[in-house]
Protein backbone atom coordinates (compact mmCIF):
# COMPACT_ATOMS: atom_id res chain seq x y z
CA MET A 1 -136.92 84.84 171.94
CA ASN A 2 -140.24 85.72 174.04
CA LEU A 3 -139.60 89.15 175.54
CA SER A 4 -142.44 89.01 177.90
CA GLN A 5 -140.32 86.28 180.13
CA TYR A 6 -137.82 89.10 180.98
CA THR A 7 -138.25 91.85 183.62
CA TYR A 8 -137.88 95.59 182.74
CA THR A 9 -134.29 95.63 183.89
CA GLU A 10 -133.21 92.61 182.26
CA LEU A 11 -134.47 94.09 179.09
CA LEU A 12 -132.61 97.34 179.78
CA GLN A 13 -129.69 95.41 180.57
CA ILE A 14 -130.01 93.40 177.19
CA ARG A 15 -130.35 96.62 175.21
CA ARG A 16 -127.07 97.96 176.59
CA GLU A 17 -125.04 95.06 175.83
CA ILE A 18 -126.66 94.90 172.18
CA ASN A 19 -125.93 98.73 171.99
CA THR A 20 -122.18 98.07 173.22
CA GLU A 21 -121.92 95.24 170.54
CA LEU A 22 -123.06 97.49 167.73
CA LEU A 23 -120.72 100.51 168.89
CA PHE A 24 -118.12 98.11 168.92
CA ARG A 25 -118.57 96.86 165.56
CA SER A 26 -119.29 100.26 163.89
CA GLU A 27 -115.92 101.57 165.39
CA THR A 28 -114.35 98.72 164.02
CA THR A 29 -115.58 99.00 160.75
CA TYR A 30 -114.89 102.63 160.56
CA ASN A 31 -111.30 102.18 161.59
CA ASN A 32 -110.57 99.50 158.84
CA PHE A 33 -112.30 101.78 156.53
CA LYS A 34 -109.75 104.86 157.26
CA GLN A 35 -106.90 101.99 157.46
CA TYR A 36 -108.02 101.12 153.62
CA ALA A 37 -108.98 104.59 152.69
CA PHE A 38 -105.15 105.94 153.64
CA ILE A 39 -103.84 102.83 151.85
CA TYR A 40 -105.72 103.74 148.51
CA ALA A 41 -104.67 107.61 148.83
CA SER A 42 -101.24 106.91 149.52
CA GLU A 43 -100.93 104.47 146.54
CA LEU A 44 -102.83 106.88 144.35
CA ILE A 45 -100.87 109.77 145.14
CA ASP A 46 -97.83 107.65 144.57
CA TYR A 47 -99.22 106.52 141.09
CA ILE A 48 -100.02 110.05 140.03
CA ASN A 49 -96.23 111.44 141.17
CA LYS A 50 -94.68 108.69 139.08
CA SER A 51 -97.02 109.19 135.97
CA GLU A 52 -96.67 112.88 136.21
CA ASN A 53 -93.13 113.02 137.39
CA ILE A 54 -93.84 115.51 140.11
CA ASP A 55 -94.29 115.17 143.78
CA VAL A 56 -97.91 116.56 144.86
CA THR A 57 -97.05 116.49 148.62
CA LYS A 58 -94.50 119.17 148.38
CA MET A 59 -95.21 122.66 148.81
CA ILE A 60 -94.30 123.90 145.24
CA ARG A 61 -96.97 126.32 143.84
CA ARG A 62 -96.58 125.76 140.16
CA GLU A 63 -99.68 125.09 138.54
CA ILE A 64 -99.04 121.30 137.90
CA PHE A 65 -98.62 120.65 141.43
CA THR A 66 -101.32 122.78 142.77
CA PHE A 67 -104.18 121.88 140.34
CA SER A 68 -102.98 118.08 140.60
CA ARG A 69 -103.20 118.30 144.35
CA PHE A 70 -106.75 120.10 144.23
CA THR A 71 -108.04 117.22 141.94
CA LEU A 72 -106.84 114.32 143.93
CA MET A 73 -107.84 115.96 147.23
CA ASN A 74 -111.35 116.61 145.74
CA HIS A 75 -111.47 112.88 144.57
CA LEU A 76 -110.67 111.38 147.72
CA TYR A 77 -113.31 113.85 149.59
CA GLU A 78 -116.02 112.49 147.26
CA LYS A 79 -114.76 108.98 148.18
CA GLY A 80 -115.75 109.50 151.64
CA MET A 81 -112.35 110.50 153.17
CA ASN A 82 -112.59 113.40 155.77
CA LYS A 83 -110.44 116.33 155.51
CA SER A 84 -107.84 115.58 158.50
CA ASP A 85 -107.04 111.82 156.85
CA ILE A 86 -106.93 113.69 153.32
CA GLY A 87 -104.25 115.95 154.95
CA ARG A 88 -102.44 113.28 156.59
CA ALA A 89 -102.16 111.65 153.23
CA PHE A 90 -100.74 114.79 151.88
CA GLU A 91 -98.62 115.56 154.85
CA LYS A 92 -100.68 118.71 155.36
CA ASP A 93 -103.19 119.95 157.83
CA HIS A 94 -106.98 119.85 157.27
CA ALA A 95 -107.02 123.53 156.73
CA THR A 96 -104.80 123.05 153.49
CA VAL A 97 -107.42 120.41 152.40
CA ILE A 98 -110.42 122.92 153.08
CA ASN A 99 -108.53 125.47 151.20
CA GLY A 100 -107.77 122.66 148.20
CA LEU A 101 -111.49 121.92 148.12
CA LYS A 102 -112.59 125.51 147.82
CA GLN A 103 -109.74 126.13 145.09
CA TYR A 104 -111.06 123.21 143.38
CA LYS A 105 -114.70 124.20 143.28
CA GLU A 106 -113.99 127.67 142.02
CA LEU A 107 -111.68 127.02 139.45
CA SER A 108 -113.95 124.28 137.85
CA GLU A 109 -116.76 126.86 138.02
CA THR A 110 -114.85 129.64 136.20
CA ASN A 111 -113.83 126.90 133.54
CA PHE A 112 -110.05 128.16 133.54
CA ASP A 113 -108.59 126.28 130.50
CA ARG A 114 -105.33 125.50 132.36
CA PHE A 115 -106.79 124.02 135.41
CA ILE A 116 -109.34 122.12 133.18
CA GLY A 117 -106.51 120.20 131.22
CA VAL A 118 -104.45 119.16 134.07
CA ARG A 119 -107.99 118.31 136.01
CA ASN A 120 -108.90 115.91 133.00
CA ARG A 121 -105.31 114.49 132.76
CA ILE A 122 -105.44 113.82 136.60
CA GLU A 123 -108.72 112.36 136.41
CA ASP A 124 -108.07 110.14 133.61
CA LEU A 125 -104.81 108.74 135.68
CA ILE A 126 -107.35 108.14 138.52
CA ILE A 127 -109.47 106.31 136.17
CA LYS A 128 -106.49 104.11 134.87
CA PHE A 129 -105.19 103.72 138.43
CA ASN A 130 -108.47 102.22 139.48
CA HIS A 131 -109.04 100.06 136.58
CA ASP A 132 -105.17 98.61 137.12
CA LYS A 133 -106.15 98.08 140.66
CA THR A 134 -108.80 95.76 140.16
CA LYS A 135 -106.92 93.99 137.77
CA THR A 136 -103.93 93.24 139.88
CA GLU A 137 -105.41 92.73 143.32
CA PRO A 138 -107.19 90.08 144.67
CA ILE A 139 -111.04 90.21 144.50
CA THR A 140 -111.95 90.87 148.17
CA THR A 141 -109.03 92.11 150.73
CA ASP A 142 -109.42 91.34 154.32
CA ILE A 143 -110.38 94.91 154.87
CA GLN A 144 -113.15 94.69 152.21
CA ALA A 145 -114.42 91.78 153.75
CA GLN A 146 -114.68 93.34 157.00
CA CYS A 147 -116.20 96.52 155.81
CA GLY A 148 -118.37 95.25 152.78
CA GLU A 149 -117.66 96.56 149.63
CA ALA A 150 -115.50 99.62 149.75
CA THR A 151 -115.83 101.03 146.26
CA GLN A 152 -117.82 104.27 147.77
CA PHE A 153 -116.86 105.25 151.26
CA ASN A 154 -119.29 106.33 153.93
CA ARG A 155 -118.51 109.63 155.59
CA HIS A 156 -118.94 109.56 159.52
């Protein structure tokens, strides 16, 4: 394509069309990512609930519930989910997620024994969940194909 054959106005129009197309692709990819991330979070929460015989979405303040919730929130945040989406997965608002992430960090820094025990158990279950999921799922889902490899989510 020889750009010199176009007028300045035509080039601006082409640029607008390209920017619009790129924006549409970006929004579509991000929406697909959000759907995939929410499905992943929901399945992970269900897996942890069944494995530990608890329900981390309930507002129960016993240590096993809160420490598990903090660990899961931190894992999902590190995977790239935003706080509002994590909150939706837990049926909570984003402020609860902010507090959970803060508590996770503080408890990790203090090396509180009971927290470390629960955190390690939940992290082992997360690893097992991810390992089991890769063995049972098809190599590439439709959403993964559209988003690219979705093993590490990108934060927007």
